[in-house]
C-alpha atoms as a PDB file:
ATOM      1  CA  UNK A   1     -36.738  30.483 -49.847  1.00  0.00           C
ATOM      2  CA  UNK A   2     -39.043  31.732 -52.460  1.00  0.00           C
ATOM      3  CA  UNK A   3     -39.408  35.087 -51.325  1.00  0.00           C
ATOM      4  CA  UNK A   4     -35.804  35.625 -50.621  1.00  0.00           C
ATOM      5  CA  UNK A   5     -35.175  34.357 -54.115  1.00  0.00           C
ATOM      6  CA  UNK A   6     -37.631  36.815 -55.649  1.00  0.00           C
ATOM      7  CA  UNK A   7     -36.408  39.832 -53.651  1.00  0.00           C
ATOM      8  CA  UNK A   8     -32.900  38.992 -54.595  1.00  0.00           C
ATOM      9  CA  UNK A   9     -33.282  38.606 -58.166  1.00  0.00           C
ATOM     10  CA  UNK A  10     -35.318  41.957 -58.312  1.00  0.00           C
ATOM     11  CA  UNK A  11     -32.228  43.641 -56.490  1.00  0.00           C
ATOM     12  CA  UNK A  12     -29.724  41.976 -58.700  1.00  0.00           C
ATOM     13  CA  UNK A  13     -31.611  42.985 -61.871  1.00  0.00           C
ATOM     14  CA  UNK A  14     -31.703  46.850 -60.718  1.00  0.00           C
ATOM     15  CA  UNK A  15     -29.395  48.510 -63.060  1.00  0.00           C
ATOM     16  CA  UNK A  16     -26.196  49.531 -61.263  1.00  0.00           C
ATOM     17  CA  UNK A  17     -22.205  49.541 -61.487  1.00  0.00           C
ATOM     18  CA  UNK A  18     -22.252  45.718 -61.914  1.00  0.00           C
ATOM     19  CA  UNK A  19     -24.375  45.844 -64.871  1.00  0.00           C
ATOM     20  CA  UNK A  20     -22.594  48.893 -66.543  1.00  0.00           C
ATOM     21  CA  UNK A  21     -19.101  47.173 -66.079  1.00  0.00           C
ATOM     22  CA  UNK A  22     -20.364  43.942 -67.302  1.00  0.00           C
ATOM     23  CA  UNK A  23     -21.925  45.439 -70.344  1.00  0.00           C
ATOM     24  CA  UNK A  24     -18.626  47.424 -71.241  1.00  0.00           C
ATOM     25  CA  UNK A  25     -16.378  44.302 -70.581  1.00  0.00           C
ATOM     26  CA  UNK A  26     -18.717  42.081 -72.747  1.00  0.00           C
ATOM     27  CA  UNK A  27     -18.344  44.485 -75.542  1.00  0.00           C
ATOM     28  CA  UNK A  28     -14.612  44.993 -75.162  1.00  0.00           C
ATOM     29  CA  UNK A  29     -13.744  41.424 -74.469  1.00  0.00           C
ATOM     30  CA  UNK A  30     -16.601  39.556 -75.800  1.00  0.00           C
ATOM     31  CA  UNK A  31     -18.272  36.586 -73.931  1.00  0.00           C
ATOM     32  CA  UNK A  32     -15.170  35.795 -72.200  1.00  0.00           C
ATOM     33  CA  UNK A  33     -14.679  39.376 -70.969  1.00  0.00           C
ATOM     34  CA  UNK A  34     -18.450  39.553 -69.669  1.00  0.00           C
ATOM     35  CA  UNK A  35     -18.173  36.103 -67.955  1.00  0.00           C
ATOM     36  CA  UNK A  36     -14.916  36.897 -66.528  1.00  0.00           C
ATOM     37  CA  UNK A  37     -16.208  40.265 -64.976  1.00  0.00           C
ATOM     38  CA  UNK A  38     -19.312  38.428 -63.820  1.00  0.00           C
ATOM     39  CA  UNK A  39     -17.259  35.578 -62.141  1.00  0.00           C
ATOM     40  CA  UNK A  40     -14.991  38.351 -60.383  1.00  0.00           C
ATOM     41  CA  UNK A  41     -18.404  40.262 -59.221  1.00  0.00           C
ATOM     42  CA  UNK A  42     -20.002  37.136 -57.595  1.00  0.00           C
ATOM     43  CA  UNK A  43     -16.528  36.309 -55.740  1.00  0.00           C
ATOM     44  CA  UNK A  44     -16.558  39.841 -54.560  1.00  0.00           C
ATOM     45  CA  UNK A  45     -20.165  39.255 -53.569  1.00  0.00           C
ATOM     46  CA  UNK A  46     -19.230  35.935 -51.758  1.00  0.00           C
ATOM     47  CA  UNK A  47     -16.691  37.617 -49.635  1.00  0.00           C
ATOM     48  CA  UNK A  48     -19.416  39.876 -48.138  1.00  0.00           C
ATOM     49  CA  UNK A  49     -22.077  37.208 -48.063  1.00  0.00           C
ATOM     50  CA  UNK A  50     -19.550  34.874 -46.231  1.00  0.00           C
ATOM     51  CA  UNK A  51     -18.698  37.647 -43.785  1.00  0.00           C
ATOM     52  CA  UNK A  52     -22.150  38.311 -43.149  1.00  0.00           C
ATOM     53  CA  UNK A  53     -23.090  34.984 -42.330  1.00  0.00           C
ATOM     54  CA  UNK A  54     -20.040  34.535 -39.962  1.00  0.00           C
ATOM     55  CA  UNK A  55     -21.127  37.747 -38.255  1.00  0.00           C
ATOM     56  CA  UNK A  56     -17.889  39.760 -39.586  1.00  0.00           C
ATOM     57  CA  UNK A  57     -19.775  42.149 -41.557  1.00  0.00           C
ATOM     58  CA  UNK A  58     -21.535  43.467 -38.403  1.00  0.00           C
ATOM     59  CA  UNK A  59     -18.054  44.054 -36.822  1.00  0.00           C
ATOM     60  CA  UNK A  60     -17.001  45.983 -39.930  1.00  0.00           C
ATOM     61  CA  UNK A  61     -19.758  48.240 -39.662  1.00  0.00           C
ATOM     62  CA  UNK A  62     -19.382  48.979 -36.085  1.00  0.00           C
ATOM     63  CA  UNK A  63     -15.850  49.926 -36.383  1.00  0.00           C
ATOM     64  CA  UNK A  64     -15.629  53.424 -37.674  1.00  0.00           C
ATOM     65  CA  UNK A  65     -11.925  52.728 -38.781  1.00  0.00           C
ATOM     66  CA  UNK A  66     -12.336  49.498 -40.674  1.00  0.00           C
ATOM     67  CA  UNK A  67     -15.444  50.897 -42.378  1.00  0.00           C
ATOM     68  CA  UNK A  68     -13.636  54.113 -43.313  1.00  0.00           C
ATOM     69  CA  UNK A  69     -10.464  52.265 -44.769  1.00  0.00           C
ATOM     70  CA  UNK A  70     -12.701  49.988 -46.754  1.00  0.00           C
ATOM     71  CA  UNK A  71     -14.673  52.975 -47.898  1.00  0.00           C
ATOM     72  CA  UNK A  72     -11.779  54.934 -48.893  1.00  0.00           C
ATOM     73  CA  UNK A  73     -10.287  52.107 -50.775  1.00  0.00           C
ATOM     74  CA  UNK A  74     -13.520  51.261 -52.619  1.00  0.00           C
ATOM     75  CA  UNK A  75     -13.930  54.994 -53.625  1.00  0.00           C
ATOM     76  CA  UNK A  76     -10.436  55.408 -54.863  1.00  0.00           C
ATOM     77  CA  UNK A  77     -10.863  52.144 -56.935  1.00  0.00           C
ATOM     78  CA  UNK A  78     -14.220  52.880 -58.567  1.00  0.00           C
ATOM     79  CA  UNK A  79     -13.084  56.577 -59.129  1.00  0.00           C
ATOM     80  CA  UNK A  80      -9.821  55.338 -60.763  1.00  0.00           C
ATOM     81  CA  UNK A  81     -11.696  52.797 -62.979  1.00  0.00           C
ATOM     82  CA  UNK A  82     -14.263  55.438 -64.119  1.00  0.00           C
ATOM     83  CA  UNK A  83     -11.623  58.080 -65.003  1.00  0.00           C
ATOM     84  CA  UNK A  84      -9.763  55.361 -67.033  1.00  0.00           C
ATOM     85  CA  UNK A  85     -12.785  54.807 -68.889  1.00  0.00           C
ATOM     86  CA  UNK A  86     -13.546  58.521 -69.552  1.00  0.00           C
ATOM     87  CA  UNK A  87     -10.026  59.008 -70.730  1.00  0.00           C
ATOM     88  CA  UNK A  88     -10.414  55.867 -73.253  1.00  0.00           C
ATOM     89  CA  UNK A  89     -13.748  57.388 -74.715  1.00  0.00           C
ATOM     90  CA  UNK A  90     -12.097  60.947 -74.774  1.00  0.00           C
ATOM     91  CA  UNK A  91      -8.910  59.535 -76.682  1.00  0.00           C
ATOM     92  CA  UNK A  92     -10.701  57.752 -79.195  1.00  0.00           C
ATOM     93  CA  UNK A  93     -13.474  60.509 -79.895  1.00  0.00           C
ATOM     94  CA  UNK A  94     -10.785  63.005 -80.516  1.00  0.00           C
ATOM     95  CA  UNK A  95      -9.325  60.413 -83.238  1.00  0.00           C
ATOM     96  CA  UNK A  96     -11.456  58.927 -85.894  1.00  0.00           C
ATOM     97  CA  UNK A  97     -13.340  56.191 -84.318  1.00  0.00           C
ATOM     98  CA  UNK A  98     -14.260  54.459 -87.472  1.00  0.00           C
ATOM     99  CA  UNK A  99     -10.722  53.461 -87.974  1.00  0.00           C
ATOM    100  CA  UNK A 100      -9.354  52.476 -84.287  1.00  0.00           C
ATOM    101  CA  UNK A 101     -10.441  49.699 -81.911  1.00  0.00           C
ATOM    102  CA  UNK A 102     -11.723  51.536 -79.000  1.00  0.00           C
ATOM    103  CA  UNK A 103      -9.896  49.867 -76.212  1.00  0.00           C
ATOM    104  CA  UNK A 104      -7.247  47.385 -75.480  1.00  0.00           C
ATOM    105  CA  UNK A 105      -8.219  44.038 -74.875  1.00  0.00           C
ATOM    106  CA  UNK A 106      -6.840  42.839 -71.400  1.00  0.00           C
ATOM    107  CA  UNK A 107      -6.674  39.536 -70.288  1.00  0.00           C
ATOM    108  CA  UNK A 108      -9.594  37.551 -68.619  1.00  0.00           C
ATOM    109  CA  UNK A 109      -7.564  38.098 -65.263  1.00  0.00           C
ATOM    110  CA  UNK A 110      -7.863  41.805 -65.741  1.00  0.00           C
ATOM    111  CA  UNK A 111     -11.730  41.620 -66.267  1.00  0.00           C
ATOM    112  CA  UNK A 112     -11.942  39.154 -63.391  1.00  0.00           C
ATOM    113  CA  UNK A 113     -10.101  41.683 -61.011  1.00  0.00           C
ATOM    114  CA  UNK A 114     -12.257  44.545 -62.002  1.00  0.00           C
ATOM    115  CA  UNK A 115     -15.184  42.725 -61.139  1.00  0.00           C
ATOM    116  CA  UNK A 116     -14.190  41.375 -57.904  1.00  0.00           C
ATOM    117  CA  UNK A 117     -12.656  44.547 -56.548  1.00  0.00           C
ATOM    118  CA  UNK A 118     -15.685  46.673 -57.539  1.00  0.00           C
ATOM    119  CA  UNK A 119     -17.712  44.410 -55.090  1.00  0.00           C
ATOM    120  CA  UNK A 120     -15.137  43.307 -52.686  1.00  0.00           C
ATOM    121  CA  UNK A 121     -14.139  47.024 -51.810  1.00  0.00           C
ATOM    122  CA  UNK A 122     -17.567  48.189 -51.481  1.00  0.00           C
ATOM    123  CA  UNK A 123     -18.725  48.607 -47.810  1.00  0.00           C
ATOM    124  CA  UNK A 124     -22.358  49.125 -49.219  1.00  0.00           C
ATOM    125  CA  UNK A 125     -22.441  45.402 -50.393  1.00  0.00           C
ATOM    126  CA  UNK A 126     -21.457  44.318 -46.816  1.00  0.00           C
ATOM    127  CA  UNK A 127     -24.214  46.618 -45.380  1.00  0.00           C
ATOM    128  CA  UNK A 128     -26.756  45.107 -47.750  1.00  0.00           C
ATOM    129  CA  UNK A 129     -26.040  41.484 -46.527  1.00  0.00           C
ATOM    130  CA  UNK A 130     -26.158  42.791 -42.977  1.00  0.00           C
ATOM    131  CA  UNK A 131     -29.509  44.565 -43.482  1.00  0.00           C
ATOM    132  CA  UNK A 132     -31.144  42.429 -46.179  1.00  0.00           C
ATOM    133  CA  UNK A 133     -30.215  38.890 -45.268  1.00  0.00           C
ATOM    134  CA  UNK A 134     -31.570  38.841 -41.795  1.00  0.00           C
ATOM    135  CA  UNK A 135     -35.049  39.650 -42.787  1.00  0.00           C
ATOM    136  CA  UNK A 136     -35.372  35.932 -44.260  1.00  0.00           C
ATOM    137  CA  UNK A 137     -33.669  34.040 -41.483  1.00  0.00           C
ATOM    138  CA  UNK A 138     -36.076  31.770 -39.328  1.00  0.00           C
ATOM    139  CA  UNK A 139     -35.978  33.045 -35.757  1.00  0.00           C
ATOM    140  CA  UNK A 140     -36.359  29.302 -34.432  1.00  0.00           C
ATOM    141  CA  UNK A 141     -33.634  27.902 -36.709  1.00  0.00           C
ATOM    142  CA  UNK A 142     -31.124  25.426 -34.981  1.00  0.00           C
ATOM    143  CA  UNK A 143     -28.353  26.642 -37.447  1.00  0.00           C
ATOM    144  CA  UNK A 144     -28.671  30.187 -38.179  1.00  0.00           C
ATOM    145  CA  UNK A 145     -25.261  30.340 -39.733  1.00  0.00           C
ATOM    146  CA  UNK A 146     -25.931  27.586 -41.941  1.00  0.00           C
ATOM    147  CA  UNK A 147     -29.257  29.011 -43.106  1.00  0.00           C
ATOM    148  CA  UNK A 148     -27.307  32.346 -43.981  1.00  0.00           C
ATOM    149  CA  UNK A 149     -24.815  30.601 -45.973  1.00  0.00           C
ATOM    150  CA  UNK A 150     -27.485  28.856 -47.723  1.00  0.00           C
ATOM    151  CA  UNK A 151     -29.109  31.997 -48.553  1.00  0.00           C
ATOM    152  CA  UNK A 152     -25.856  33.777 -49.528  1.00  0.00           C
ATOM    153  CA  UNK A 153     -25.097  30.777 -52.039  1.00  0.00           C
ATOM    154  CA  UNK A 154     -28.723  31.073 -53.436  1.00  0.00           C
ATOM    155  CA  UNK A 155     -28.017  34.902 -53.915  1.00  0.00           C
ATOM    156  CA  UNK A 156     -24.766  33.916 -55.805  1.00  0.00           C
ATOM    157  CA  UNK A 157     -26.444  31.519 -58.004  1.00  0.00           C
ATOM    158  CA  UNK A 158     -29.025  33.804 -58.699  1.00  0.00           C
ATOM    159  CA  UNK A 159     -26.321  36.637 -59.810  1.00  0.00           C
ATOM    160  CA  UNK A 160     -24.452  33.940 -62.033  1.00  0.00           C
ATOM    161  CA  UNK A 161     -27.894  33.071 -63.630  1.00  0.00           C
ATOM    162  CA  UNK A 162     -29.203  36.409 -64.304  1.00  0.00           C
ATOM    163  CA  UNK A 163     -25.517  37.990 -65.527  1.00  0.00           C
ATOM    164  CA  UNK A 164     -24.807  34.830 -67.485  1.00  0.00           C
ATOM    165  CA  UNK A 165     -27.940  35.503 -69.600  1.00  0.00           C
ATOM    166  CA  UNK A 166     -27.127  39.138 -69.607  1.00  0.00           C
ATOM    167  CA  UNK A 167     -23.766  38.391 -71.114  1.00  0.00           C
ATOM    168  CA  UNK A 168     -25.448  36.259 -73.702  1.00  0.00           C
ATOM    169  CA  UNK A 169     -27.810  38.806 -74.911  1.00  0.00           C
ATOM    170  CA  UNK A 170     -25.262  41.653 -75.115  1.00  0.00           C
ATOM    171  CA  UNK A 171     -23.116  39.311 -77.082  1.00  0.00           C
ATOM    172  CA  UNK A 172     -26.050  38.626 -79.439  1.00  0.00           C
ATOM    173  CA  UNK A 173     -26.730  42.323 -80.168  1.00  0.00           C
ATOM    174  CA  UNK A 174     -23.250  43.239 -79.965  1.00  0.00           C
ATOM    175  CA  UNK A 175     -22.972  43.721 -83.805  1.00  0.00           C
ATOM    176  CA  UNK A 176     -24.714  47.126 -83.262  1.00  0.00           C
ATOM    177  CA  UNK A 177     -23.304  47.876 -79.808  1.00  0.00           C
ATOM    178  CA  UNK A 178     -19.554  47.399 -81.001  1.00  0.00           C
ATOM    179  CA  UNK A 179     -20.066  50.156 -83.514  1.00  0.00           C
ATOM    180  CA  UNK A 180     -17.486  52.751 -82.810  1.00  0.00           C
ATOM    181  CA  UNK A 181     -19.544  55.805 -81.857  1.00  0.00           C
ATOM    182  CA  UNK A 182     -21.933  53.413 -79.699  1.00  0.00           C
ATOM    183  CA  UNK A 183     -19.027  52.249 -77.923  1.00  0.00           C
ATOM    184  CA  UNK A 184     -17.671  55.507 -77.331  1.00  0.00           C
ATOM    185  CA  UNK A 185     -20.859  56.475 -75.668  1.00  0.00           C
ATOM    186  CA  UNK A 186     -20.967  53.268 -73.674  1.00  0.00           C
ATOM    187  CA  UNK A 187     -17.396  53.986 -72.408  1.00  0.00           C
ATOM    188  CA  UNK A 188     -18.455  57.381 -71.240  1.00  0.00           C
ATOM    189  CA  UNK A 189     -21.492  56.142 -69.816  1.00  0.00           C
ATOM    190  CA  UNK A 190     -19.890  53.231 -67.828  1.00  0.00           C
ATOM    191  CA  UNK A 191     -17.212  55.744 -66.722  1.00  0.00           C
ATOM    192  CA  UNK A 192     -19.629  58.263 -65.379  1.00  0.00           C
ATOM    193  CA  UNK A 193     -21.651  55.660 -63.500  1.00  0.00           C
ATOM    194  CA  UNK A 194     -18.566  54.332 -61.682  1.00  0.00           C
ATOM    195  CA  UNK A 195     -17.489  57.975 -60.846  1.00  0.00           C
ATOM    196  CA  UNK A 196     -21.038  58.576 -59.640  1.00  0.00           C
ATOM    197  CA  UNK A 197     -21.126  55.472 -57.555  1.00  0.00           C
ATOM    198  CA  UNK A 198     -17.524  56.381 -55.947  1.00  0.00           C
ATOM    199  CA  UNK A 199     -18.882  59.755 -54.979  1.00  0.00           C
ATOM    200  CA  UNK A 200     -21.794  58.553 -53.384  1.00  0.00           C
ATOM    201  CA  UNK A 201     -19.584  55.886 -51.647  1.00  0.00           C
ATOM    202  CA  UNK A 202     -17.357  58.538 -50.258  1.00  0.00           C
ATOM    203  CA  UNK A 203     -20.475  59.955 -48.557  1.00  0.00           C
ATOM    204  CA  UNK A 204     -21.939  56.525 -46.994  1.00  0.00           C
ATOM    205  CA  UNK A 205     -22.064  56.629 -43.501  1.00  0.00           C
ATOM    206  CA  UNK A 206     -23.032  53.759 -41.051  1.00  0.00           C
END
């Protein structure tokens, strides 16, 4: 379990779309926005973790049609979200950023939905659990599904722990990061990251 926890935490800490989206939403919506996005993200992870533990992810990855449908949906959503953020950055950059709020502040449900869909519609997350999780399962265990669920729950707990602390840090230094011109840069960077991830996802194969 210790080896799994260390490996999982290192993977969670690697910068990626989750971190970019949580950073952006923590700045726009404060702690509430960051926590809601993180909660959605861990729920999306839980979908794939549970499916992997039950063996459903393996079926998904062996079905070309199912994999393609999920890949197209995930690509479309990330690309749409990334373009929305790039449009927001461009709109406020063309105005006077010192006189405008940089983004509308949606409700917690919108942040939750963003975090959830960005992970739940990503077949790479399913691939991760199918290839990563089995490496730590005991070959002689009497209940492999139970052990897989335990590891999946541990992964989710580490995800919440890391990004919960991360949201607190972002909020702490938010005074600097919420400056209009810095926020424009963050909007543009986040949008670009999501678009790049979408493009890479579109080229993913089994």
